[in-house]
Amino acid sequence: MRYEAITWERLADALASHADALKPSDGGPWLKVAVDGAPAARTGELAESVAQALRLRGRAVLPVSTAGFLRPASLRYEYGKRDPDSYYGSWFDTGALWREVFGPLEAGGSGRVLPDLWDPATDRATRSPYRLLPEDGVLVVHGPLLLGHWFPFDLSVHLRLSPGALRRRTEEDERWTLPAFARYEDEVAPAGSADAVVRADDPRHPAWTGLRPDR
């Protein structure tokens, strides 16, 4: 896989420009973009930069973090608070993401999206109001372990960290999650399925593959 050096600003602009020219694959009026990567890769920063670049192009954008769709603690911690298999398969409420985020943006949907559902700090529902994403709007979902769930993304970007960089940039009390990301690499191979891959080992000097030719 060949990488080309790029700045984060140019990367966000390139992704936004490409997304702005895409048509939703399901025939509906809403485009869906993924920024996938471990927490250490800071997916939210790139997602917000892409969102801002799209807004400058006149598009309505709704960023959604998977951190707002964690399952309750009683389910996340069923096998302990530091079980990597639970983190991989049970921490994120993919059913709620389908129901509250992707379902309303299917062709013929209402466009009413719930931006978050659960607050892990209080272990209670956030009670956030629904947001109406107008037609021609763009959903930008960001967070870890996003690919491999058949979510209907029209454009997917994977922020890749080498195993060494992932360990270095992950806080010590979160390193118990590292086996989950190794499993993700083995089972999902996100770099092979994403439309674009960004090498983010050095956050000051990203590089990317460009977009796949079929995109």
Protein backbone atom coordinates (compact mmCIF):
# COMPACT_ATOMS: atom_id res chain seq x y z
CA MET A 1 0.00 0.00 0.00
CA ARG A 2 1.53 3.32 -1.10
CA TYR A 3 1.05 6.49 0.91
CA GLU A 4 1.40 10.13 -0.07
CA ALA A 5 2.22 12.82 2.46
CA ILE A 6 -0.58 15.31 3.08
CA THR A 7 -1.64 17.85 5.69
CA TRP A 8 -4.78 17.35 7.75
CA GLU A 9 -6.28 20.48 6.20
CA ARG A 10 -5.69 19.28 2.64
CA LEU A 11 -6.95 15.82 3.58
CA ALA A 12 -10.20 17.18 4.98
CA ASP A 13 -10.68 19.34 1.90
CA ALA A 14 -10.00 16.43 -0.46
CA LEU A 15 -12.45 14.17 1.36
CA ALA A 16 -15.10 16.88 1.48
CA SER A 17 -14.66 17.65 -2.21
CA HIS A 18 -15.04 13.99 -3.08
CA ALA A 19 -18.03 13.50 -0.79
CA ASP A 20 -19.73 16.60 -2.19
CA ALA A 21 -19.66 15.02 -5.66
CA LEU A 22 -21.01 11.63 -4.56
CA LYS A 23 -24.57 10.40 -4.89
CA PRO A 24 -25.99 8.29 -2.04
CA SER A 25 -25.72 4.62 -2.98
CA ASP A 26 -29.21 3.80 -1.66
CA GLY A 27 -30.92 6.35 -3.90
CA GLY A 28 -31.99 8.50 -0.96
CA PRO A 29 -31.13 12.17 -0.35
CA TRP A 30 -28.60 11.73 2.48
CA LEU A 31 -24.91 10.94 2.16
CA LYS A 32 -23.22 8.86 4.87
CA VAL A 33 -19.50 9.12 5.65
CA ALA A 34 -17.41 7.09 8.12
CA VAL A 35 -14.18 8.14 9.84
CA ASP A 36 -12.98 4.92 11.45
CA GLY A 37 -10.08 4.46 13.84
CA ALA A 38 -8.97 3.73 17.38
CA PRO A 39 -9.51 6.51 19.95
CA ALA A 40 -5.77 7.23 19.83
CA ALA A 41 -6.18 8.22 16.16
CA ARG A 42 -8.54 11.08 17.11
CA THR A 43 -11.20 10.37 14.54
CA GLY A 44 -13.38 13.17 15.88
CA GLU A 45 -10.86 15.81 14.82
CA LEU A 46 -10.81 14.70 11.19
CA ALA A 47 -14.58 14.20 11.19
CA GLU A 48 -15.13 17.77 12.38
CA SER A 49 -12.67 19.13 9.80
CA VAL A 50 -14.45 17.26 7.01
CA ALA A 51 -17.80 18.49 8.33
CA GLN A 52 -16.58 22.08 8.32
CA ALA A 53 -15.21 21.74 4.78
CA LEU A 54 -18.58 20.38 3.64
CA ARG A 55 -20.43 23.25 5.33
CA LEU A 56 -18.27 25.68 3.39
CA ARG A 57 -19.59 23.94 0.28
CA GLY A 58 -23.16 24.64 1.38
CA ARG A 59 -23.96 21.20 2.78
CA ALA A 60 -25.77 20.58 6.05
CA VAL A 61 -23.70 18.14 8.12
CA LEU A 62 -24.37 16.12 11.26
CA PRO A 63 -21.33 14.54 12.96
CA VAL A 64 -22.19 11.58 15.21
CA SER A 65 -19.72 9.89 17.55
CA THR A 66 -20.10 6.22 18.44
CA ALA A 67 -19.07 7.25 21.98
CA GLY A 68 -22.67 8.42 22.37
CA PHE A 69 -23.96 4.94 21.56
CA LEU A 70 -22.32 2.82 24.22
CA ARG A 71 -24.41 0.15 25.90
CA PRO A 72 -25.26 0.50 29.61
CA ALA A 73 -22.52 -0.45 32.06
CA SER A 74 -24.38 -3.59 33.13
CA LEU A 75 -23.94 -4.93 29.59
CA ARG A 76 -20.50 -3.48 28.84
CA TYR A 77 -19.03 -4.87 32.06
CA GLU A 78 -20.77 -8.23 32.10
CA TYR A 79 -17.39 -9.97 31.81
CA GLY A 80 -15.39 -7.32 33.68
CA LYS A 81 -14.40 -3.75 33.01
CA ARG A 82 -11.32 -4.66 30.97
CA ASP A 83 -12.41 -7.51 28.74
CA PRO A 84 -11.17 -6.86 25.16
CA ASP A 85 -13.67 -9.28 23.62
CA SER A 86 -16.54 -7.40 25.25
CA TYR A 87 -15.10 -4.12 23.98
CA TYR A 88 -14.91 -5.56 20.51
CA GLY A 89 -18.40 -7.04 20.35
CA SER A 90 -20.57 -5.65 23.13
CA TRP A 91 -19.63 -2.10 24.09
CA PHE A 92 -21.18 -0.23 21.16
CA ASP A 93 -24.91 -0.37 20.58
CA THR A 94 -24.94 -1.10 16.85
CA GLY A 95 -28.67 -1.84 16.99
CA ALA A 96 -29.36 1.67 18.28
CA LEU A 97 -27.14 3.14 15.58
CA TRP A 98 -29.17 1.31 12.95
CA ARG A 99 -32.46 2.35 14.55
CA GLU A 100 -31.73 5.96 15.51
CA VAL A 101 -29.12 7.07 12.98
CA PHE A 102 -29.10 5.02 9.80
CA GLY A 103 -32.78 4.01 9.66
CA PRO A 104 -34.11 7.58 9.51
CA LEU A 105 -31.68 8.33 6.67
CA GLU A 106 -32.73 5.47 4.43
CA ALA A 107 -34.49 6.37 1.19
CA GLY A 108 -37.96 7.53 2.24
CA GLY A 109 -36.84 8.09 5.84
CA SER A 110 -37.78 10.99 8.10
CA GLY A 111 -34.29 12.52 8.40
CA ARG A 112 -34.75 12.76 12.21
CA VAL A 113 -31.53 11.50 13.76
CA LEU A 114 -30.71 10.99 17.42
CA PRO A 115 -27.15 12.38 17.82
CA ASP A 116 -26.42 10.37 20.97
CA LEU A 117 -28.23 7.95 23.24
CA TRP A 118 -26.19 7.04 26.31
CA ASP A 119 -23.87 8.99 28.61
CA PRO A 120 -21.20 6.59 29.93
CA ALA A 121 -20.22 8.99 32.73
CA THR A 122 -23.68 8.97 34.31
CA ASP A 123 -24.74 5.61 32.83
CA ARG A 124 -28.05 7.17 31.86
CA ALA A 125 -29.81 8.14 28.66
CA THR A 126 -28.67 11.51 27.36
CA ARG A 127 -32.20 12.61 26.44
CA SER A 128 -30.76 14.65 23.59
CA PRO A 129 -33.36 15.99 21.14
CA TYR A 130 -33.62 14.58 17.66
CA ARG A 131 -31.88 16.53 14.92
CA LEU A 132 -33.47 16.97 11.51
CA LEU A 133 -30.91 16.52 8.75
CA PRO A 134 -32.32 18.19 5.64
CA GLU A 135 -32.29 16.47 2.28
CA ASP A 136 -28.87 16.69 0.62
CA GLY A 137 -27.35 16.69 4.12
CA VAL A 138 -24.35 14.58 5.13
CA LEU A 139 -24.00 12.28 8.10
CA VAL A 140 -20.41 11.87 9.37
CA VAL A 141 -20.04 9.00 11.85
CA HIS A 142 -16.73 8.66 13.66
CA GLY A 143 -15.27 6.24 16.16
CA PRO A 144 -13.60 2.83 16.53
CA LEU A 145 -14.57 -0.52 15.01
CA LEU A 146 -17.01 1.06 12.55
CA LEU A 147 -16.41 -1.15 9.55
CA GLY A 148 -17.63 -4.73 9.22
CA HIS A 149 -21.19 -4.03 10.45
CA TRP A 150 -22.68 -3.45 6.99
CA PHE A 151 -23.44 0.15 7.90
CA PRO A 152 -24.51 1.88 4.65
CA PHE A 153 -21.57 4.24 4.22
CA ASP A 154 -21.09 5.96 0.89
CA LEU A 155 -17.54 6.94 1.80
CA SER A 156 -15.33 5.36 4.45
CA VAL A 157 -11.96 6.55 5.75
CA HIS A 158 -9.76 4.48 8.07
CA LEU A 159 -7.15 6.16 10.26
CA ARG A 160 -4.44 3.53 10.54
CA LEU A 161 -1.96 3.23 13.40
CA SER A 162 0.79 0.64 13.37
CA PRO A 163 0.74 -1.67 16.42
CA GLY A 164 3.68 0.22 17.92
CA ALA A 165 2.11 3.64 17.36
CA LEU A 166 -1.22 2.43 18.67
CA ARG A 167 0.42 1.25 21.89
CA ARG A 168 2.43 4.47 22.30
CA ARG A 169 -0.53 6.75 21.69
CA THR A 170 -3.06 4.82 23.77
CA GLU A 171 -3.33 5.91 27.40
CA GLU A 172 -1.89 3.33 29.74
CA ASP A 173 -5.21 2.61 31.46
CA GLU A 174 -6.81 1.97 28.05
CA ARG A 175 -4.18 -0.42 26.68
CA TRP A 176 -6.31 -3.38 27.67
CA THR A 177 -8.33 -2.57 24.49
CA LEU A 178 -5.34 -3.28 22.21
CA PRO A 179 -6.23 -6.97 21.63
CA ALA A 180 -9.62 -5.81 20.35
CA PHE A 181 -7.94 -3.71 17.66
CA ALA A 182 -5.63 -6.58 16.75
CA ARG A 183 -8.73 -8.74 16.31
CA TYR A 184 -10.34 -5.99 14.21
CA GLU A 185 -7.31 -6.01 11.91
CA ASP A 186 -7.49 -9.79 11.57
CA GLU A 187 -11.24 -10.17 11.11
CA VAL A 188 -12.29 -6.98 9.32
CA ALA A 189 -9.04 -5.75 7.69
CA PRO A 190 -10.28 -2.14 7.66
CA ALA A 191 -7.39 -0.91 5.51
CA GLY A 192 -8.58 -3.25 2.78
CA SER A 193 -12.24 -2.32 2.93
CA ALA A 194 -12.09 1.45 3.48
CA ASP A 195 -12.29 3.80 0.51
CA ALA A 196 -9.26 5.71 1.79
CA VAL A 197 -6.62 4.92 4.40
CA VAL A 198 -4.70 7.53 6.37
CA ARG A 199 -1.46 6.61 8.08
CA ALA A 200 -1.54 8.55 11.34
CA ASP A 201 1.45 7.15 13.27
CA ASP A 202 2.88 10.67 13.55
CA PRO A 203 -0.06 13.04 14.11
CA ARG A 204 2.01 15.93 12.73
CA HIS A 205 2.72 14.20 9.41
CA PRO A 206 -0.22 12.17 8.07
CA ALA A 207 -0.07 10.34 4.76
CA TRP A 208 -2.83 8.73 2.76
CA THR A 209 -3.49 6.31 -0.04
CA GLY A 210 -5.79 8.58 -1.96
CA LEU A 211 -9.24 7.28 -2.81
CA ARG A 212 -9.75 3.86 -4.30
CA PRO A 213 -10.10 4.11 -8.10
CA ASP A 214 -13.65 2.76 -8.01
CA ARG A 215 -14.67 5.63 -5.75
